[in-house]
Amino acid sequence: MNTFEGTGVKNLKLRSGVYYWRQKIRGVQYSESLQTSNWTDAMKRMEKKVDAVRNGKNIKEKKMTKAKDISTEFIDFWPQLKVLDCTIRDGGLMNNHNFSDDFVKTVHKSLVAAGVDYMEIGYKADKKLFSQDEYGLWKSCDEDALNHFFGDEDPGLKLSVMADVGRTTENDIVPADQSVLDLIRVACYIHQIPTALEMVKMAKENGYETSVNLMAISTVPEFELHKGLELIGKSQQVDMLYLVDSFGSLYFEQIEDLMRRYTDAMEHGQQIGIHAHNNQQMAYVNTICSAIHGATMLDSTLDGMGRGAGNCPTELLLGFLRNPKFHQRPIIETVEKLMQPLRENIDWGYSVPYMITGQMNEHPRSAIKLRESEQKNDFLKFYDEIHDQ
């Protein structure tokens, strides 16, 4: 049967092993995940959905019509959207967190002037696992050092750190009234959720805001994702749950589908956040898509600095949000003075090797290794090696 009416998009798309359908029926465009990787099943499910639409049945697909132009909503701004800049934390993965004090102070000052809500200063990592001779202050975020660095003055914004499951000890997280920190973000993989929730409980009891950052979500099977979100959604100690596109492999249709799953699973009004990587130039788009579909915590970094392909650029995001409390100029000044000179010694941002690992839904470690070598521009050889594995 002919169900395609010229939207310019194929009826079926395979994205990271899952089929999506998108087509126009009677002038209305429909788009949704079919939640299967089998082509035959996808065709059957699509035909069933098409029949439902034509018969006027109540289905879940979002209808996009000219009468509902969502772009007009962004003439105004949404005050509930918060920005968390993680330049020092995620960017620190590119130089073992060896930023000078002046560098970090300048970034901090610019974020305060720009009206950014949170600054992620680094990790709460066990010093026994990470030598202080190799890693800078911001890998462990020692409380004495943090108190000395920020002094007794109000930091002017909220401060957060990331605590990886298996790399943070109970003693690393002191009571909040003894710390300048406000938010503890517990990072974990799907099989580590029970341990992550124990860490969140401890942080919450110590007086912090809490977050679970569920990493490498693009690799998680549907059943495991459902159970994991169910566990997190039941926890009253979790204030935020982050959708983390660790490999930069997701497209906005997948982000839309995942946002629905995340928000539906939260039983205590937990906020949803997005942390996107830029392997396929999708970090900015996916961050905006997440905001449109319910995310209120948006991660970004100055000039997009972050592991490998980097992240959604803070200066780009602030301009889009249109909230008068945000100011681009301090960020752009810092990008010019700090980030551009830093690029002479540190390689981050979109490049072909990162694109390849993103499209293959793989960790970018092989691309990082290539970019750090003398053969960093041997794109074709890298492409062949990755596809032959």
Protein backbone atom coordinates (compact mmCIF):
# COMPACT_ATOMS: atom_id res chain seq x y z
CA MET A 1 0.00 0.00 0.00
CA ASN A 2 1.17 3.56 -0.68
CA THR A 3 1.59 5.41 2.62
CA PHE A 4 4.40 7.73 1.61
CA GLU A 5 3.34 11.24 0.63
CA GLY A 6 6.63 12.99 0.00
CA THR A 7 8.07 14.16 3.32
CA GLY A 8 11.51 13.61 1.85
CA VAL A 9 12.27 10.95 4.46
CA LYS A 10 12.18 7.19 3.96
CA ASN A 11 9.40 5.32 5.73
CA LEU A 12 11.82 3.25 7.79
CA LYS A 13 15.13 4.28 9.31
CA LEU A 14 17.54 2.02 11.18
CA ARG A 15 19.21 3.98 13.96
CA SER A 16 21.67 2.17 16.25
CA GLY A 17 19.92 -1.13 15.60
CA VAL A 18 16.34 0.13 16.09
CA TYR A 19 13.83 0.90 13.33
CA TYR A 20 11.95 4.21 13.28
CA TRP A 21 9.06 5.16 11.01
CA ARG A 22 8.34 8.62 9.70
CA GLN A 23 5.78 9.54 7.08
CA LYS A 24 2.99 11.92 6.19
CA ILE A 25 -0.62 10.76 6.13
CA ARG A 26 -3.40 13.14 5.11
CA GLY A 27 -1.09 16.09 5.60
CA VAL A 28 0.01 15.10 9.12
CA GLN A 29 3.51 13.85 9.83
CA TYR A 30 4.03 10.96 12.25
CA SER A 31 7.29 9.71 13.76
CA GLU A 32 8.06 7.11 16.44
CA SER A 33 10.38 4.25 17.36
CA LEU A 34 9.10 0.82 16.34
CA GLN A 35 11.17 -0.73 19.15
CA THR A 36 12.51 -3.58 17.06
CA SER A 37 15.66 -4.36 15.11
CA ASN A 38 13.93 -6.92 12.86
CA TRP A 39 12.93 -5.55 9.45
CA THR A 40 9.93 -7.86 9.04
CA ASP A 41 8.57 -6.98 12.47
CA ALA A 42 9.20 -3.30 11.76
CA MET A 43 7.16 -3.47 8.54
CA LYS A 44 4.28 -5.19 10.33
CA ARG A 45 4.31 -2.67 13.19
CA MET A 46 4.47 0.26 10.79
CA GLU A 47 1.53 -1.01 8.77
CA LYS A 48 -0.47 -1.47 11.96
CA LYS A 49 0.29 2.09 13.03
CA VAL A 50 -0.60 3.46 9.60
CA ASP A 51 -3.97 1.68 9.73
CA ALA A 52 -4.59 3.11 13.20
CA VAL A 53 -3.85 6.63 12.02
CA ARG A 54 -6.10 6.34 8.99
CA ASN A 55 -8.93 4.95 11.11
CA GLY A 56 -8.61 7.83 13.56
CA LYS A 57 -7.70 5.67 16.52
CA ASN A 58 -6.00 7.18 19.55
CA ILE A 59 -2.30 6.35 19.20
CA LYS A 60 0.81 7.79 20.83
CA GLU A 61 2.51 9.33 17.80
CA LYS A 62 3.14 13.03 18.06
CA LYS A 63 1.39 14.91 15.27
CA MET A 64 3.34 17.81 13.78
CA THR A 65 1.10 20.21 11.89
CA LYS A 66 1.36 23.77 10.74
CA ALA A 67 -1.21 24.72 13.37
CA LYS A 68 1.24 23.53 16.06
CA ASP A 69 4.56 25.07 15.14
CA ILE A 70 6.71 24.33 18.21
CA SER A 71 9.37 26.75 17.03
CA THR A 72 7.12 29.66 18.00
CA GLU A 73 7.38 28.63 21.65
CA PHE A 74 11.05 29.59 21.63
CA ILE A 75 10.36 33.26 20.92
CA ASP A 76 9.89 33.27 24.69
CA PHE A 77 12.06 31.33 27.15
CA TRP A 78 11.51 28.50 29.58
CA PRO A 79 12.71 29.55 33.06
CA GLN A 80 12.83 25.95 34.30
CA LEU A 81 15.81 25.12 32.06
CA LYS A 82 19.13 25.04 33.94
CA VAL A 83 22.61 24.94 32.44
CA LEU A 84 25.43 22.90 33.99
CA ASP A 85 28.84 23.72 32.54
CA CYS A 86 31.28 20.82 32.92
CA THR A 87 34.31 22.27 31.13
CA ILE A 88 36.72 21.56 33.99
CA ARG A 89 35.34 18.07 34.63
CA ASP A 90 34.76 16.71 31.10
CA GLY A 91 37.42 18.88 29.52
CA GLY A 92 39.81 17.67 32.18
CA LEU A 93 39.68 14.22 30.61
CA MET A 94 41.81 15.68 27.82
CA ASN A 95 44.68 16.88 30.05
CA ASN A 96 44.39 14.73 33.20
CA HIS A 97 42.74 17.69 34.93
CA ASN A 98 45.97 19.65 34.97
CA PHE A 99 44.43 23.11 34.70
CA SER A 100 46.18 26.03 36.33
CA ASP A 101 44.44 27.87 39.16
CA ASP A 102 44.18 30.98 36.98
CA PHE A 103 42.51 28.96 34.21
CA VAL A 104 39.86 27.54 36.56
CA LYS A 105 39.29 30.91 38.24
CA THR A 106 38.76 32.57 34.87
CA VAL A 107 36.29 29.89 33.78
CA HIS A 108 34.46 30.20 37.10
CA LYS A 109 34.30 33.98 36.86
CA SER A 110 32.94 33.85 33.32
CA LEU A 111 30.25 31.30 34.22
CA VAL A 112 29.07 33.45 37.12
CA ALA A 113 28.97 36.54 34.89
CA ALA A 114 27.08 34.55 32.25
CA GLY A 115 24.38 33.45 34.72
CA VAL A 116 25.10 29.73 34.35
CA ASP A 117 23.38 27.69 37.07
CA TYR A 118 25.97 24.99 37.88
CA MET A 119 29.72 24.55 37.40
CA GLU A 120 31.05 21.01 37.55
CA ILE A 121 34.50 21.42 39.02
CA GLY A 122 35.75 17.86 38.58
CA TYR A 123 35.57 14.36 40.04
CA LYS A 124 35.44 12.87 43.51
CA ALA A 125 37.96 10.16 42.69
CA ASP A 126 39.84 7.94 45.13
CA LYS A 127 43.40 9.28 45.41
CA LYS A 128 44.68 5.72 45.75
CA LEU A 129 43.53 5.05 42.19
CA PHE A 130 44.77 8.28 40.63
CA SER A 131 48.27 9.51 41.37
CA GLN A 132 48.51 13.20 42.28
CA ASP A 133 51.77 13.31 40.35
CA GLU A 134 49.87 12.52 37.16
CA TYR A 135 46.45 14.07 37.78
CA GLY A 136 45.57 17.61 38.77
CA LEU A 137 43.54 18.83 41.72
CA TRP A 138 40.25 18.52 39.88
CA LYS A 139 40.44 14.73 39.60
CA SER A 140 39.88 14.23 43.32
CA CYS A 141 38.48 17.61 44.43
CA ASP A 142 39.94 17.39 47.91
CA GLU A 143 37.74 19.39 50.31
CA ASP A 144 40.63 21.29 51.90
CA ALA A 145 41.90 22.31 48.49
CA LEU A 146 38.41 23.32 47.32
CA ASN A 147 37.80 25.40 50.43
CA HIS A 148 41.16 27.09 49.96
CA PHE A 149 40.49 27.70 46.27
CA PHE A 150 37.04 29.23 46.68
CA GLY A 151 37.61 30.77 50.12
CA ASP A 152 34.74 31.97 52.28
CA GLU A 153 32.95 33.90 49.53
CA ASP A 154 29.74 32.78 47.87
CA PRO A 155 30.79 30.97 44.65
CA GLY A 156 27.98 32.78 42.82
CA LEU A 157 26.57 29.57 41.33
CA LYS A 158 26.11 25.97 42.40
CA LEU A 159 29.11 23.64 42.30
CA SER A 160 28.96 19.97 41.38
CA VAL A 161 31.30 17.01 41.11
CA MET A 162 31.02 13.63 39.46
CA ALA A 163 31.50 10.45 41.47
CA ASP A 164 32.08 7.32 39.39
CA VAL A 165 30.82 4.03 40.81
CA GLY A 166 33.88 2.03 41.83
CA ARG A 167 36.20 5.05 41.85
CA THR A 168 34.84 6.97 44.82
CA THR A 169 34.99 5.98 48.49
CA GLU A 170 32.50 6.80 51.23
CA ASN A 171 35.10 9.03 52.91
CA ASP A 172 35.40 11.18 49.79
CA ILE A 173 31.94 12.67 50.34
CA VAL A 174 31.81 14.75 53.52
CA PRO A 175 28.65 16.39 54.92
CA ALA A 176 27.46 19.24 52.73
CA ASP A 177 27.85 21.81 55.49
CA GLN A 178 31.60 21.09 55.41
CA SER A 179 31.88 21.54 51.65
CA VAL A 180 31.47 24.21 48.97
CA LEU A 181 29.78 21.60 46.78
CA ASP A 182 26.04 21.48 46.14
CA LEU A 183 25.45 18.57 43.76
CA ILE A 184 26.92 15.05 43.63
CA ARG A 185 26.43 13.38 40.25
CA VAL A 186 26.87 9.61 40.47
CA ALA A 187 27.97 8.14 37.14
CA CYS A 188 27.25 4.49 36.44
CA TYR A 189 26.58 1.89 33.77
CA ILE A 190 23.29 -0.01 33.64
CA HIS A 191 24.56 -2.97 35.72
CA GLN A 192 25.86 -0.59 38.42
CA ILE A 193 22.52 1.05 39.24
CA PRO A 194 22.03 -0.66 42.65
CA THR A 195 25.46 0.54 43.80
CA ALA A 196 24.81 3.99 42.34
CA LEU A 197 21.58 4.28 44.32
CA GLU A 198 23.45 3.44 47.52
CA MET A 199 25.91 6.24 46.74
CA VAL A 200 23.04 8.61 46.00
CA LYS A 201 21.40 7.73 49.30
CA MET A 202 24.63 8.50 51.16
CA ALA A 203 25.05 11.83 49.34
CA LYS A 204 21.43 12.78 49.99
CA GLU A 205 21.76 11.97 53.69
CA ASN A 206 24.83 14.19 53.74
CA GLY A 207 22.74 17.10 52.48
CA TYR A 208 23.55 17.27 48.76
CA GLU A 209 21.46 17.49 45.64
CA THR A 210 21.87 14.21 43.79
CA SER A 211 21.94 12.89 40.27
CA VAL A 212 22.34 9.55 38.54
CA ASN A 213 24.17 9.85 35.22
CA LEU A 214 23.37 6.67 33.31
CA MET A 215 26.24 6.25 30.85
CA ALA A 216 26.55 4.59 27.43
CA ILE A 217 22.79 4.48 27.10
CA SER A 218 23.02 3.76 23.37
CA THR A 219 24.33 0.25 24.15
CA VAL A 220 21.63 -0.77 26.65
CA PRO A 221 19.07 -3.43 25.60
CA GLU A 222 15.44 -2.38 25.95
CA PHE A 223 14.56 -4.77 28.78
CA GLU A 224 17.55 -3.71 30.88
CA LEU A 225 16.78 -0.05 30.27
CA HIS A 226 13.19 -0.52 31.39
CA LYS A 227 14.22 -2.22 34.63
CA GLY A 228 16.99 0.28 35.29
CA LEU A 229 14.72 3.29 34.83
CA GLU A 230 12.15 1.62 37.06
CA LEU A 231 14.69 1.28 39.88
CA ILE A 232 15.87 4.86 39.59
CA GLY A 233 12.35 6.21 39.26
CA LYS A 234 11.31 4.65 42.56
CA SER A 235 14.17 6.27 44.51
CA GLN A 236 13.16 9.38 46.43
CA GLN A 237 16.83 10.20 47.02
CA VAL A 238 17.44 10.83 43.30
CA ASP A 239 16.84 14.47 42.35
CA MET A 240 17.95 14.14 38.73
CA LEU A 241 18.47 11.43 36.13
CA TYR A 242 20.77 12.14 33.21
CA LEU A 243 20.50 10.70 29.74
CA VAL A 244 24.16 10.32 28.70
CA ASP A 245 25.06 9.78 25.05
CA SER A 246 28.59 8.66 25.89
CA PHE A 247 29.51 7.60 22.36
CA GLY A 248 27.79 10.45 20.52
CA SER A 249 25.82 7.91 18.51
CA LEU A 250 22.20 8.96 19.11
CA TYR A 251 19.91 10.87 16.76
CA PHE A 252 17.09 13.17 17.79
CA GLU A 253 14.38 10.56 17.08
CA GLN A 254 16.06 8.29 19.61
CA ILE A 255 16.46 11.14 22.06
CA GLU A 256 12.74 11.87 21.79
CA ASP A 257 11.88 8.23 22.44
CA LEU A 258 14.30 7.96 25.37
CA MET A 259 13.04 11.18 26.94
CA ARG A 260 9.54 9.75 26.96
CA ARG A 261 10.79 6.59 28.65
CA TYR A 262 12.82 8.54 31.21
CA THR A 263 10.06 10.95 32.18
CA ASP A 264 7.40 8.22 32.33
CA ALA A 265 9.55 6.16 34.73
CA MET A 266 10.09 8.93 37.30
CA GLU A 267 7.68 8.44 40.21
CA HIS A 268 8.80 11.35 42.41
CA GLY A 269 9.08 14.24 39.99
CA GLN A 270 12.81 13.78 39.38
CA GLN A 271 14.33 16.17 36.88
CA ILE A 272 15.75 14.78 33.64
CA GLY A 273 19.07 15.98 32.27
CA ILE A 274 21.02 15.50 29.04
CA HIS A 275 24.77 15.07 28.55
CA ALA A 276 25.55 14.80 24.84
CA HIS A 277 28.79 14.13 22.96
CA ASN A 278 29.49 15.58 19.54
CA ASN A 279 30.84 12.65 17.50
CA GLN A 280 28.21 13.19 14.80
CA GLN A 281 27.69 16.94 15.28
CA MET A 282 24.49 16.12 17.20
CA ALA A 283 25.32 17.32 20.73
CA TYR A 284 23.64 20.71 20.33
CA VAL A 285 20.64 19.34 18.41
CA ASN A 286 20.09 16.52 20.89
CA THR A 287 20.36 18.90 23.85
CA ILE A 288 17.67 21.13 22.35
CA CYS A 289 15.52 18.10 21.50
CA SER A 290 15.78 16.90 25.10
CA ALA A 291 14.71 20.31 26.40
CA ILE A 292 11.69 20.34 24.09
CA HIS A 293 10.69 16.90 25.39
CA GLY A 294 11.09 17.48 29.11
CA ALA A 295 14.74 17.76 30.13
CA THR A 296 15.41 20.66 32.50
CA MET A 297 19.13 20.11 33.21
CA LEU A 298 21.33 20.79 30.18
CA ASP A 299 25.07 20.02 30.15
CA SER A 300 27.54 22.02 28.09
CA THR A 301 31.20 23.09 27.97
CA LEU A 302 33.07 26.18 26.83
CA ASP A 303 33.92 25.85 23.13
CA GLY A 304 32.56 22.31 23.40
CA MET A 305 35.69 21.10 25.21
CA GLY A 306 35.34 17.52 26.41
CA ARG A 307 36.52 13.98 25.93
CA GLY A 308 37.20 13.25 22.28
CA ALA A 309 34.61 14.95 20.10
CA GLY A 310 33.55 17.16 22.99
CA ASN A 311 30.15 18.36 24.11
CA CYS A 312 27.40 20.87 23.43
CA PRO A 313 29.07 24.33 23.45
CA THR A 314 27.93 26.56 26.31
CA GLU A 315 28.07 29.73 24.21
CA LEU A 316 25.85 28.13 21.56
CA LEU A 317 23.32 26.86 24.09
CA LEU A 318 22.98 30.14 25.99
CA GLY A 319 22.15 31.98 22.79
CA PHE A 320 19.40 29.50 21.97
CA LEU A 321 17.76 29.56 25.40
CA ARG A 322 16.95 33.30 25.19
CA ASN A 323 16.63 33.59 28.97
CA PRO A 324 17.62 37.19 29.85
CA LYS A 325 19.50 35.93 32.89
CA PHE A 326 22.06 34.32 30.56
CA HIS A 327 24.79 36.41 28.95
CA GLN A 328 26.94 35.14 26.08
CA ARG A 329 29.61 37.84 26.13
CA PRO A 330 31.59 36.61 29.19
CA ILE A 331 31.67 33.11 27.70
CA ILE A 332 32.79 34.27 24.28
CA GLU A 333 35.53 36.35 25.90
CA THR A 334 36.81 33.31 27.79
CA VAL A 335 36.63 31.11 24.70
CA GLU A 336 38.80 33.65 22.88
CA LYS A 337 41.32 34.14 25.68
CA LEU A 338 41.57 30.61 27.09
CA MET A 339 40.06 27.96 24.88
CA GLN A 340 41.49 28.94 21.51
CA PRO A 341 45.10 29.01 22.79
CA LEU A 342 44.45 25.69 24.55
CA ARG A 343 43.57 24.10 21.20
CA GLU A 344 47.20 24.50 20.16
CA ASN A 345 48.16 21.79 22.66
CA ILE A 346 44.96 19.78 23.20
CA ASP A 347 42.90 18.18 20.44
CA TRP A 348 39.15 18.03 20.96
CA GLY A 349 36.00 18.49 18.90
CA TYR A 350 34.47 16.94 15.83
CA SER A 351 36.76 15.03 13.49
CA VAL A 352 36.30 12.09 11.13
CA PRO A 353 37.66 9.40 13.53
CA TYR A 354 35.16 10.47 16.20
CA MET A 355 32.40 10.45 13.60
CA ILE A 356 33.32 6.86 12.71
CA THR A 357 33.20 5.58 16.28
CA GLY A 358 29.96 7.48 16.87
CA GLN A 359 28.28 5.90 13.87
CA MET A 360 29.57 2.49 14.93
CA ASN A 361 28.21 3.09 18.47
CA GLU A 362 31.63 2.45 19.97
CA HIS A 363 33.65 4.05 22.74
CA PRO A 364 35.91 6.73 21.19
CA ARG A 365 39.09 5.43 22.87
CA SER A 366 40.48 4.16 19.54
CA ALA A 367 39.80 7.52 17.89
CA ILE A 368 41.42 9.36 20.82
CA LYS A 369 44.49 7.15 20.47
CA LEU A 370 44.70 7.93 16.77
CA ARG A 371 44.31 11.68 17.30
CA GLU A 372 47.14 11.61 19.85
CA SER A 373 49.48 9.83 17.41
CA GLU A 374 51.65 11.10 14.57
CA GLN A 375 49.17 9.51 12.13
CA LYS A 376 46.23 11.47 13.50
CA ASN A 377 44.89 12.30 10.03
CA ASP A 378 45.01 8.76 8.60
CA PHE A 379 41.22 8.71 8.36
CA LEU A 380 40.82 6.08 5.67
CA LYS A 381 43.10 3.53 7.36
CA PHE A 382 41.21 4.06 10.62
CA TYR A 383 37.88 3.63 8.82
CA ASP A 384 38.99 0.33 7.28
CA GLU A 385 40.37 -0.97 10.58
CA ILE A 386 37.19 -0.17 12.48
CA HIS A 387 34.91 -1.73 9.88
CA ASP A 388 37.07 -4.87 9.64
CA GLN A 389 36.81 -5.58 13.37
